[in-house]
Every structure is written in C-alpha cells, then in structure tokens.
Amino acid sequence: MKTVPFWLAITVAPALAVGAFQQRPAAPSGPVAFVVSQRISNETSEGKAGIARMQALQRERTAEARTKQEALQATRRQIDATADSTDMAGVIIESP
C-alpha cells in the first residue's frame, strides 16, 4: 500500500518542481523602441530615393512588357492572316 503514494510522489513532484523553477521574463528596464520601416522609407531622403528608383524601374519594366505584348499580338495577327489565306486558297500544310 505504500507503493501508491511513492509512485504518486515520483510522478507529481517533478511536474510541480518544473513550474517552480521556470524563469519569468524580466520587466523592461529602459525605454522600448518601435521601428516602422514604411515610415522610414517615406520620411527619409534615402527612403524617398529608393522609392523613386523602384517606381522608375517599375515604369521601365511595364513599358518593356507592353512592347513585348504588342509584338506578340502582331505576330499572332500575322499567323492568323497566313492561316486564313491558306484556308481560302485550299492549300494543305503538312508538318514533317
């Protein structure tokens, strides 16, 4: 009968001891600072310059994409026109 309290003490005591020895976070002793990167980039000269560079790069890439898209559409129109003219002429194009 003494084994039950002994086993209970072995299993419960370590669980209680773990809670007693846990470290608690220390209270902040000095001022706390928050960094807002969006505000830094909007209000500093380096941030404004970086934003301007990114916007210029975005405009450049958009213009390049637009040019490529227009070239692609022109090529598709040529292919469609060629396909329509071969269909009208009754020519059969066989692939090798």
Protein backbone atom coordinates (compact mmCIF):
# COMPACT_ATOMS: atom_id res chain seq x y z
CA MET A 1 0.00 0.00 0.00
CA LYS A 2 2.93 2.33 0.50
CA THR A 3 3.92 1.97 -3.14
CA VAL A 4 0.97 4.01 -4.42
CA PRO A 5 1.90 7.23 -2.57
CA PHE A 6 5.54 6.62 -3.50
CA TRP A 7 4.72 6.35 -7.24
CA LEU A 8 2.39 9.29 -6.97
CA ALA A 9 5.15 11.36 -5.38
CA ILE A 10 7.60 10.32 -8.11
CA THR A 11 5.27 11.36 -10.93
CA VAL A 12 3.68 14.51 -9.47
CA ALA A 13 6.64 16.09 -7.65
CA PRO A 14 8.78 16.67 -10.77
CA ALA A 15 5.84 18.27 -12.56
CA LEU A 16 5.32 20.68 -9.68
CA ALA A 17 9.04 21.40 -9.41
CA VAL A 18 9.30 22.34 -13.10
CA GLY A 19 6.74 25.09 -12.61
CA ALA A 20 8.55 26.42 -9.56
CA PHE A 21 11.92 26.72 -11.33
CA GLN A 22 10.79 28.35 -14.56
CA GLN A 23 12.28 31.73 -15.24
CA ARG A 24 9.96 34.65 -15.57
CA PRO A 25 10.67 37.32 -18.16
CA ALA A 26 12.35 40.37 -16.74
CA ALA A 27 10.44 43.62 -16.79
CA PRO A 28 11.83 46.11 -19.31
CA SER A 29 14.23 48.40 -17.51
CA GLY A 30 14.63 51.03 -20.23
CA PRO A 31 12.63 52.63 -22.99
CA VAL A 32 11.10 50.45 -25.66
CA ALA A 33 11.51 51.46 -29.31
CA PHE A 34 9.37 50.52 -32.27
CA VAL A 35 10.74 50.60 -35.82
CA VAL A 36 8.26 51.25 -38.64
CA SER A 37 10.05 50.57 -41.91
CA GLN A 38 7.25 52.07 -44.01
CA ARG A 39 7.56 55.36 -42.16
CA ILE A 40 11.36 55.34 -42.51
CA SER A 41 11.16 54.81 -46.27
CA ASN A 42 8.52 57.53 -46.64
CA GLU A 43 10.22 60.18 -44.50
CA THR A 44 13.99 59.83 -45.04
CA SER A 45 15.87 61.10 -48.08
CA GLU A 46 17.41 57.64 -48.69
CA GLY A 47 13.99 56.06 -48.45
CA LYS A 48 12.46 58.56 -50.85
CA ALA A 49 15.33 57.99 -53.31
CA GLY A 50 14.82 54.24 -53.06
CA ILE A 51 11.10 54.59 -53.69
CA ALA A 52 11.82 56.78 -56.74
CA ARG A 53 14.27 54.18 -58.12
CA MET A 54 11.74 51.39 -57.62
CA GLN A 55 8.97 53.38 -59.32
CA ALA A 56 11.26 54.19 -62.28
CA LEU A 57 12.21 50.53 -62.59
CA GLN A 58 8.56 49.55 -62.44
CA ARG A 59 7.66 52.03 -65.21
CA GLU A 60 10.55 50.72 -67.32
CA ARG A 61 9.55 47.09 -66.87
CA THR A 62 5.90 47.90 -67.59
CA ALA A 63 6.90 49.63 -70.84
CA GLU A 64 9.04 46.64 -71.84
CA ALA A 65 6.20 44.23 -71.10
CA ARG A 66 3.78 46.38 -73.10
CA THR A 67 6.18 46.42 -76.08
CA LYS A 68 6.61 42.65 -75.96
CA GLN A 69 2.85 42.14 -75.64
CA GLU A 70 2.21 44.32 -78.69
CA ALA A 71 4.85 42.40 -80.68
CA LEU A 72 3.25 39.12 -79.65
CA GLN A 73 -0.20 40.33 -80.73
CA ALA A 74 1.21 41.48 -84.09
CA THR A 75 2.80 38.06 -84.61
CA ARG A 76 -0.45 36.32 -83.76
CA ARG A 77 -2.32 38.52 -86.25
CA GLN A 78 0.22 37.60 -88.94
CA ILE A 79 -0.16 33.91 -88.15
CA ASP A 80 -3.93 34.18 -88.24
CA ALA A 81 -3.80 36.11 -91.53
CA THR A 82 -1.48 33.50 -93.04
CA ALA A 83 -3.68 30.67 -91.81
CA ASP A 84 -6.78 32.38 -93.22
CA SER A 85 -5.16 32.94 -96.61
CA THR A 86 -4.01 29.30 -96.86
CA ASP A 87 -7.50 28.12 -95.88
CA MET A 88 -9.04 30.30 -98.58
CA ALA A 89 -6.60 29.08 -101.20
CA GLY A 90 -7.27 25.45 -100.34
CA VAL A 91 -3.63 24.71 -99.62
CA ILE A 92 -2.95 21.99 -97.14
CA ILE A 93 0.14 22.45 -94.99
CA GLU A 94 1.62 19.21 -93.75
CA SER A 95 4.04 19.07 -90.88
CA PRO A 96 7.17 16.95 -91.39
